[in-house]
Amino acid sequence: MASRAFGIQEENHFPAVVHDMFPGAGQIRKGYLYGSDKPGLGLDIDEALAAKYPWGPVRNGGAYGTERKIDGTVWYP
């Protein structure tokens, strides 16, 4: 995976369950992002596993603060 469209690569350390839920997600090893060898982005979703982790309101606004709705759209209270 390569892109000249940005200067840095932000790294997220997702728990193992996220990688189980989304097989084919990129993996970071020794500072490099390795993508799947499947077509497109190579992502899939384990819907049965995802159903065990329903999306709900983010506590304390999460990373986006309280000015966003559950789907991430901006709104003004």
PDB file of N, CA and C in Angstrom:
ATOM      1  N   MET A   1       0.851  -1.168   0.000  1.00  0.00           N
ATOM      2  CA  MET A   1       0.000   0.000   0.000  1.00  0.00           C
ATOM      3  C   MET A   1       0.896   1.229   0.000  1.00  0.00           C
ATOM      4  N   ALA A   2       0.592   2.153  -0.880  1.00  0.00           N
ATOM      5  CA  ALA A   2       1.412   3.343  -0.956  1.00  0.00           C
ATOM      6  C   ALA A   2       0.559   4.530  -1.377  1.00  0.00           C
ATOM      7  N   SER A   3       0.919   5.685  -0.858  1.00  0.00           N
ATOM      8  CA  SER A   3       0.267   6.917  -1.261  1.00  0.00           C
ATOM      9  C   SER A   3       1.234   8.064  -1.068  1.00  0.00           C
ATOM     10  N   ARG A   4       1.338   8.911  -2.074  1.00  0.00           N
ATOM     11  CA  ARG A   4       2.189  10.091  -1.944  1.00  0.00           C
ATOM     12  C   ARG A   4       1.355  11.283  -1.502  1.00  0.00           C
ATOM     13  N   ALA A   5       0.088  11.049  -1.136  1.00  0.00           N
ATOM     14  CA  ALA A   5      -0.824  12.131  -0.829  1.00  0.00           C
ATOM     15  C   ALA A   5      -0.731  12.627   0.616  1.00  0.00           C
ATOM     16  N   PHE A   6       0.144  12.077   1.406  1.00  0.00           N
ATOM     17  CA  PHE A   6       0.264  12.563   2.777  1.00  0.00           C
ATOM     18  C   PHE A   6       1.694  12.400   3.260  1.00  0.00           C
ATOM     19  N   GLY A   7       2.031  13.125   4.321  1.00  0.00           N
ATOM     20  CA  GLY A   7       3.396  13.130   4.817  1.00  0.00           C
ATOM     21  C   GLY A   7       3.655  12.176   5.957  1.00  0.00           C
ATOM     22  N   ILE A   8       2.620  11.828   6.701  1.00  0.00           N
ATOM     23  CA  ILE A   8       2.806  10.910   7.817  1.00  0.00           C
ATOM     24  C   ILE A   8       1.742   9.832   7.770  1.00  0.00           C
ATOM     25  N   GLN A   9       2.016   8.745   8.439  1.00  0.00           N
ATOM     26  CA  GLN A   9       1.041   7.663   8.553  1.00  0.00           C
ATOM     27  C   GLN A   9       0.587   7.623  10.004  1.00  0.00           C
ATOM     28  N   GLU A  10      -0.702   7.836  10.221  1.00  0.00           N
ATOM     29  CA  GLU A  10      -1.212   7.732  11.577  1.00  0.00           C
ATOM     30  C   GLU A  10      -1.463   6.264  11.873  1.00  0.00           C
ATOM     31  N   GLU A  11      -1.138   5.862  13.084  1.00  0.00           N
ATOM     32  CA  GLU A  11      -1.218   4.460  13.450  1.00  0.00           C
ATOM     33  C   GLU A  11      -2.272   4.266  14.527  1.00  0.00           C
ATOM     34  N   ASN A  12      -3.160   3.316  14.306  1.00  0.00           N
ATOM     35  CA  ASN A  12      -4.169   2.965  15.298  1.00  0.00           C
ATOM     36  C   ASN A  12      -3.889   1.560  15.803  1.00  0.00           C
ATOM     37  N   HIS A  13      -3.894   1.414  17.094  1.00  0.00           N
ATOM     38  CA  HIS A  13      -3.700   0.093  17.691  1.00  0.00           C
ATOM     39  C   HIS A  13      -5.065  -0.448  18.093  1.00  0.00           C
ATOM     40  N   PHE A  14      -5.707  -1.143  17.164  1.00  0.00           N
ATOM     41  CA  PHE A  14      -7.026  -1.692  17.424  1.00  0.00           C
ATOM     42  C   PHE A  14      -6.903  -2.980  18.219  1.00  0.00           C
ATOM     43  N   PRO A  15      -7.891  -3.270  19.078  1.00  0.00           N
ATOM     44  CA  PRO A  15      -7.861  -4.545  19.797  1.00  0.00           C
ATOM     45  C   PRO A  15      -8.012  -5.716  18.821  1.00  0.00           C
ATOM     46  N   ALA A  16      -7.623  -6.897  19.259  1.00  0.00           N
ATOM     47  CA  ALA A  16      -7.663  -8.092  18.404  1.00  0.00           C
ATOM     48  C   ALA A  16      -9.064  -8.357  17.870  1.00  0.00           C
ATOM     49  N   VAL A  17     -10.097  -8.055  18.660  1.00  0.00           N
ATOM     50  CA  VAL A  17     -11.471  -8.322  18.214  1.00  0.00           C
ATOM     51  C   VAL A  17     -11.810  -7.525  16.955  1.00  0.00           C
ATOM     52  N   VAL A  18     -11.227  -6.356  16.786  1.00  0.00           N
ATOM     53  CA  VAL A  18     -11.483  -5.554  15.582  1.00  0.00           C
ATOM     54  C   VAL A  18     -10.901  -6.252  14.360  1.00  0.00           C
ATOM     55  N   HIS A  19      -9.721  -6.824  14.494  1.00  0.00           N
ATOM     56  CA  HIS A  19      -9.129  -7.560  13.368  1.00  0.00           C
ATOM     57  C   HIS A  19      -9.906  -8.842  13.080  1.00  0.00           C
ATOM     58  N   ASP A  20     -10.500  -9.452  14.125  1.00  0.00           N
ATOM     59  CA  ASP A  20     -11.349 -10.619  13.909  1.00  0.00           C
ATOM     60  C   ASP A  20     -12.647 -10.214  13.209  1.00  0.00           C
ATOM     61  N   MET A  21     -13.171  -9.042  13.568  1.00  0.00           N
ATOM     62  CA  MET A  21     -14.423  -8.547  13.007  1.00  0.00           C
ATOM     63  C   MET A  21     -14.252  -8.117  11.546  1.00  0.00           C
ATOM     64  N   PHE A  22     -13.083  -7.590  11.211  1.00  0.00           N
ATOM     65  CA  PHE A  22     -12.803  -7.111   9.861  1.00  0.00           C
ATOM     66  C   PHE A  22     -11.592  -7.836   9.281  1.00  0.00           C
ATOM     67  N   PRO A  23     -11.763  -9.109   8.905  1.00  0.00           N
ATOM     68  CA  PRO A  23     -10.626  -9.832   8.337  1.00  0.00           C
ATOM     69  C   PRO A  23     -10.134  -9.147   7.061  1.00  0.00           C
ATOM     70  N   GLY A  24      -8.832  -9.099   6.920  1.00  0.00           N
ATOM     71  CA  GLY A  24      -8.233  -8.441   5.764  1.00  0.00           C
ATOM     72  C   GLY A  24      -7.806  -7.018   6.039  1.00  0.00           C
ATOM     73  N   ALA A  25      -8.114  -6.505   7.246  1.00  0.00           N
ATOM     74  CA  ALA A  25      -7.695  -5.138   7.593  1.00  0.00           C
ATOM     75  C   ALA A  25      -6.173  -5.064   7.614  1.00  0.00           C
ATOM     76  N   GLY A  26      -5.654  -3.903   7.253  1.00  0.00           N
ATOM     77  CA  GLY A  26      -4.208  -3.718   7.233  1.00  0.00           C
ATOM     78  C   GLY A  26      -3.583  -3.996   8.593  1.00  0.00           C
ATOM     79  N   GLN A  27      -2.378  -4.500   8.567  1.00  0.00           N
ATOM     80  CA  GLN A  27      -1.654  -4.810   9.797  1.00  0.00           C
ATOM     81  C   GLN A  27      -0.340  -4.034   9.802  1.00  0.00           C
ATOM     82  N   ILE A  28      -0.016  -3.472  10.937  1.00  0.00           N
ATOM     83  CA  ILE A  28       1.228  -2.728  11.065  1.00  0.00           C
ATOM     84  C   ILE A  28       2.266  -3.633  11.711  1.00  0.00           C
ATOM     85  N   ARG A  29       3.381  -3.779  11.004  1.00  0.00           N
ATOM     86  CA  ARG A  29       4.496  -4.585  11.513  1.00  0.00           C
ATOM     87  C   ARG A  29       5.790  -3.823  11.267  1.00  0.00           C
ATOM     88  N   LYS A  30       6.522  -3.591  12.349  1.00  0.00           N
ATOM     89  CA  LYS A  30       7.816  -2.889  12.282  1.00  0.00           C
ATOM     90  C   LYS A  30       7.710  -1.553  11.554  1.00  0.00           C
ATOM     91  N   GLY A  31       6.604  -0.843  11.796  1.00  0.00           N
ATOM     92  CA  GLY A  31       6.445   0.491  11.232  1.00  0.00           C
ATOM     93  C   GLY A  31       5.897   0.551   9.820  1.00  0.00           C
ATOM     94  N   TYR A  32       5.600  -0.602   9.221  1.00  0.00           N
ATOM     95  CA  TYR A  32       5.056  -0.638   7.867  1.00  0.00           C
ATOM     96  C   TYR A  32       3.626  -1.160   7.904  1.00  0.00           C
ATOM     97  N   LEU A  33       2.769  -0.616   7.036  1.00  0.00           N
ATOM     98  CA  LEU A  33       1.398  -1.070   6.928  1.00  0.00           C
ATOM     99  C   LEU A  33       1.302  -2.089   5.798  1.00  0.00           C
ATOM    100  N   TYR A  34       0.870  -3.285   6.147  1.00  0.00           N
ATOM    101  CA  TYR A  34       0.721  -4.360   5.176  1.00  0.00           C
ATOM    102  C   TYR A  34      -0.762  -4.577   4.909  1.00  0.00           C
ATOM    103  N   GLY A  35      -1.156  -4.441   3.658  1.00  0.00           N
ATOM    104  CA  GLY A  35      -2.539  -4.648   3.272  1.00  0.00           C
ATOM    105  C   GLY A  35      -2.800  -6.097   2.910  1.00  0.00           C
ATOM    106  N   SER A  36      -4.043  -6.383   2.599  1.00  0.00           N
ATOM    107  CA  SER A  36      -4.458  -7.717   2.198  1.00  0.00           C
ATOM    108  C   SER A  36      -4.090  -7.953   0.736  1.00  0.00           C
ATOM    109  N   ASP A  37      -3.940  -9.205   0.365  1.00  0.00           N
ATOM    110  CA  ASP A  37      -3.679  -9.516  -1.048  1.00  0.00           C
ATOM    111  C   ASP A  37      -4.972  -9.817  -1.807  1.00  0.00           C
ATOM    112  N   LYS A  38      -6.119  -9.571  -1.159  1.00  0.00           N
ATOM    113  CA  LYS A  38      -7.414  -9.770  -1.804  1.00  0.00           C
ATOM    114  C   LYS A  38      -7.744  -8.549  -2.662  1.00  0.00           C
ATOM    115  N   PRO A  39      -8.696  -8.677  -3.602  1.00  0.00           N
ATOM    116  CA  PRO A  39      -9.058  -7.550  -4.475  1.00  0.00           C
ATOM    117  C   PRO A  39      -9.556  -6.332  -3.695  1.00  0.00           C
ATOM    118  N   GLY A  40      -9.387  -5.160  -4.282  1.00  0.00           N
ATOM    119  CA  GLY A  40      -9.804  -3.915  -3.637  1.00  0.00           C
ATOM    120  C   GLY A  40      -8.984  -3.671  -2.382  1.00  0.00           C
ATOM    121  N   LEU A  41      -9.651  -3.224  -1.330  1.00  0.00           N
ATOM    122  CA  LEU A  41      -8.950  -3.061  -0.052  1.00  0.00           C
ATOM    123  C   LEU A  41      -8.792  -4.386   0.670  1.00  0.00           C
ATOM    124  N   GLY A  42      -9.491  -5.413   0.208  1.00  0.00           N
ATOM    125  CA  GLY A  42      -9.351  -6.742   0.792  1.00  0.00           C
ATOM    126  C   GLY A  42     -10.057  -6.916   2.116  1.00  0.00           C
ATOM    127  N   LEU A  43     -10.959  -5.998   2.454  1.00  0.00           N
ATOM    128  CA  LEU A  43     -11.665  -6.068   3.732  1.00  0.00           C
ATOM    129  C   LEU A  43     -12.913  -6.924   3.631  1.00  0.00           C
ATOM    130  N   ASP A  44     -13.240  -7.568   4.720  1.00  0.00           N
ATOM    131  CA  ASP A  44     -14.492  -8.289   4.842  1.00  0.00           C
ATOM    132  C   ASP A  44     -15.053  -7.929   6.206  1.00  0.00           C
ATOM    133  N   ILE A  45     -16.241  -8.412   6.532  1.00  0.00           N
ATOM    134  CA  ILE A  45     -16.825  -8.168   7.842  1.00  0.00           C
ATOM    135  C   ILE A  45     -17.479  -9.446   8.337  1.00  0.00           C
ATOM    136  N   ASP A  46     -17.220  -9.769   9.576  1.00  0.00           N
ATOM    137  CA  ASP A  46     -17.866 -10.893  10.243  1.00  0.00           C
ATOM    138  C   ASP A  46     -19.103 -10.323  10.917  1.00  0.00           C
ATOM    139  N   GLU A  47     -20.228 -10.392  10.236  1.00  0.00           N
ATOM    140  CA  GLU A  47     -21.451  -9.751  10.729  1.00  0.00           C
ATOM    141  C   GLU A  47     -21.946 -10.359  12.031  1.00  0.00           C
ATOM    142  N   ALA A  48     -21.773 -11.657  12.224  1.00  0.00           N
ATOM    143  CA  ALA A  48     -22.203 -12.291  13.481  1.00  0.00           C
ATOM    144  C   ALA A  48     -21.399 -11.740  14.656  1.00  0.00           C
ATOM    145  N   LEU A  49     -20.107 -11.583  14.469  1.00  0.00           N
ATOM    146  CA  LEU A  49     -19.267 -11.024  15.531  1.00  0.00           C
ATOM    147  C   LEU A  49     -19.587  -9.550  15.738  1.00  0.00           C
ATOM    148  N   ALA A  50     -19.793  -8.809  14.653  1.00  0.00           N
ATOM    149  CA  ALA A  50     -20.117  -7.382  14.762  1.00  0.00           C
ATOM    150  C   ALA A  50     -21.426  -7.174  15.523  1.00  0.00           C
ATOM    151  N   ALA A  51     -22.382  -8.079  15.368  1.00  0.00           N
ATOM    152  CA  ALA A  51     -23.668  -7.958  16.057  1.00  0.00           C
ATOM    153  C   ALA A  51     -23.507  -8.041  17.578  1.00  0.00           C
ATOM    154  N   LYS A  52     -22.426  -8.637  18.040  1.00  0.00           N
ATOM    155  CA  LYS A  52     -22.164  -8.738  19.484  1.00  0.00           C
ATOM    156  C   LYS A  52     -21.630  -7.431  20.061  1.00  0.00           C
ATOM    157  N   TYR A  53     -21.276  -6.486  19.190  1.00  0.00           N
ATOM    158  CA  TYR A  53     -20.719  -5.199  19.612  1.00  0.00           C
ATOM    159  C   TYR A  53     -21.523  -4.068  18.967  1.00  0.00           C
ATOM    160  N   PRO A  54     -22.780  -3.876  19.385  1.00  0.00           N
ATOM    161  CA  PRO A  54     -23.604  -2.832  18.751  1.00  0.00           C
ATOM    162  C   PRO A  54     -23.053  -1.442  19.015  1.00  0.00           C
ATOM    163  N   TRP A  55     -23.223  -0.578  18.025  1.00  0.00           N
ATOM    164  CA  TRP A  55     -22.753   0.806  18.136  1.00  0.00           C
ATOM    165  C   TRP A  55     -23.735   1.582  18.995  1.00  0.00           C
ATOM    166  N   GLY A  56     -23.236   2.384  19.887  1.00  0.00           N
ATOM    167  CA  GLY A  56     -24.093   3.189  20.738  1.00  0.00           C
ATOM    168  C   GLY A  56     -23.465   4.541  20.970  1.00  0.00           C
ATOM    169  N   PRO A  57     -24.088   5.354  21.769  1.00  0.00           N
ATOM    170  CA  PRO A  57     -23.517   6.670  22.063  1.00  0.00           C
ATOM    171  C   PRO A  57     -22.113   6.544  22.651  1.00  0.00           C
ATOM    172  N   VAL A  58     -21.234   7.422  22.246  1.00  0.00           N
ATOM    173  CA  VAL A  58     -19.857   7.405  22.719  1.00  0.00           C
ATOM    174  C   VAL A  58     -19.789   8.136  24.056  1.00  0.00           C
ATOM    175  N   ARG A  59     -19.191   7.500  25.048  1.00  0.00           N
ATOM    176  CA  ARG A  59     -19.072   8.116  26.363  1.00  0.00           C
ATOM    177  C   ARG A  59     -18.213   9.373  26.308  1.00  0.00           C
ATOM    178  N   ASN A  60     -18.668  10.407  26.946  1.00  0.00           N
ATOM    179  CA  ASN A  60     -17.938  11.674  27.026  1.00  0.00           C
ATOM    180  C   ASN A  60     -17.607  12.256  25.658  1.00  0.00           C
ATOM    181  N   GLY A  61     -18.351  11.880  24.634  1.00  0.00           N
ATOM    182  CA  GLY A  61     -18.122  12.433  23.308  1.00  0.00           C
ATOM    183  C   GLY A  61     -17.024  11.749  22.528  1.00  0.00           C
ATOM    184  N   GLY A  62     -16.289  10.843  23.134  1.00  0.00           N
ATOM    185  CA  GLY A  62     -15.214  10.133  22.433  1.00  0.00           C
ATOM    186  C   GLY A  62     -14.161  11.090  21.912  1.00  0.00           C
ATOM    187  N   ALA A  63     -13.552  10.733  20.810  1.00  0.00           N
ATOM    188  CA  ALA A  63     -12.483  11.547  20.238  1.00  0.00           C
ATOM    189  C   ALA A  63     -13.004  12.808  19.570  1.00  0.00           C
ATOM    190  N   TYR A  64     -14.314  12.865  19.293  1.00  0.00           N
ATOM    191  CA  TYR A  64     -14.857  13.976  18.530  1.00  0.00           C
ATOM    192  C   TYR A  64     -15.548  15.036  19.376  1.00  0.00           C
ATOM    193  N   GLY A  65     -15.700  14.794  20.645  1.00  0.00           N
ATOM    194  CA  GLY A  65     -16.405  15.763  21.470  1.00  0.00           C
ATOM    195  C   GLY A  65     -17.903  15.592  21.340  1.00  0.00           C
ATOM    196  N   THR A  66     -18.644  16.391  22.038  1.00  0.00           N
ATOM    197  CA  THR A  66     -20.092  16.203  22.079  1.00  0.00           C
ATOM    198  C   THR A  66     -20.825  16.945  20.970  1.00  0.00           C
ATOM    199  N   GLU A  67     -20.128  17.563  20.043  1.00  0.00           N
ATOM    200  CA  GLU A  67     -20.793  18.283  18.960  1.00  0.00           C
ATOM    201  C   GLU A  67     -20.993  17.402  17.723  1.00  0.00           C
ATOM    202  N   ARG A  68     -20.897  16.098  17.876  1.00  0.00           N
ATOM    203  CA  ARG A  68     -21.139  15.184  16.766  1.00  0.00           C
ATOM    204  C   ARG A  68     -22.225  14.184  17.135  1.00  0.00           C
ATOM    205  N   LYS A  69     -22.979  13.767  16.127  1.00  0.00           N
ATOM    206  CA  LYS A  69     -23.996  12.744  16.327  1.00  0.00           C
ATOM    207  C   LYS A  69     -23.341  11.374  16.340  1.00  0.00           C
ATOM    208  N   ILE A  70     -24.114  10.329  16.617  1.00  0.00           N
ATOM    209  CA  ILE A  70     -23.572   8.976  16.699  1.00  0.00           C
ATOM    210  C   ILE A  70     -22.917   8.533  15.388  1.00  0.00           C
ATOM    211  N   ASP A  71     -23.394   9.049  14.244  1.00  0.00           N
ATOM    212  CA  ASP A  71     -22.796   8.671  12.963  1.00  0.00           C
ATOM    213  C   ASP A  71     -21.609   9.547  12.582  1.00  0.00           C
ATOM    214  N   GLY A  72     -21.244  10.491  13.457  1.00  0.00           N
ATOM    215  CA  GLY A  72     -20.077  11.337  13.209  1.00  0.00           C
ATOM    216  C   GLY A  72     -20.381  12.667  12.573  1.00  0.00           C
ATOM    217  N   THR A  73     -21.621  12.911  12.140  1.00  0.00           N
ATOM    218  CA  THR A  73     -21.938  14.189  11.519  1.00  0.00           C
ATOM    219  C   THR A  73     -21.924  15.319  12.552  1.00  0.00           C
ATOM    220  N   VAL A  74     -21.516  16.487  12.110  1.00  0.00           N
ATOM    221  CA  VAL A  74     -21.411  17.644  12.987  1.00  0.00           C
ATOM    222  C   VAL A  74     -22.783  18.259  13.169  1.00  0.00           C
ATOM    223  N   TRP A  75     -23.098  18.668  14.393  1.00  0.00           N
ATOM    224  CA  TRP A  75     -24.325  19.406  14.664  1.00  0.00           C
ATOM    225  C   TRP A  75     -24.028  20.399  15.759  1.00  0.00           C
ATOM    226  N   TYR A  76     -24.835  21.401  15.827  1.00  0.00           N
ATOM    227  CA  TYR A  76     -24.628  22.457  16.805  1.00  0.00           C
ATOM    228  C   TYR A  76     -25.767  22.437  17.821  1.00  0.00           C
ATOM    229  N   PRO A  77     -25.460  22.146  19.086  1.00  0.00           N
ATOM    230  CA  PRO A  77     -26.515  22.067  20.101  1.00  0.00           C
ATOM    231  C   PRO A  77     -27.165  23.407  20.376  1.00  0.00           C
TER     232      PRO A  77
END
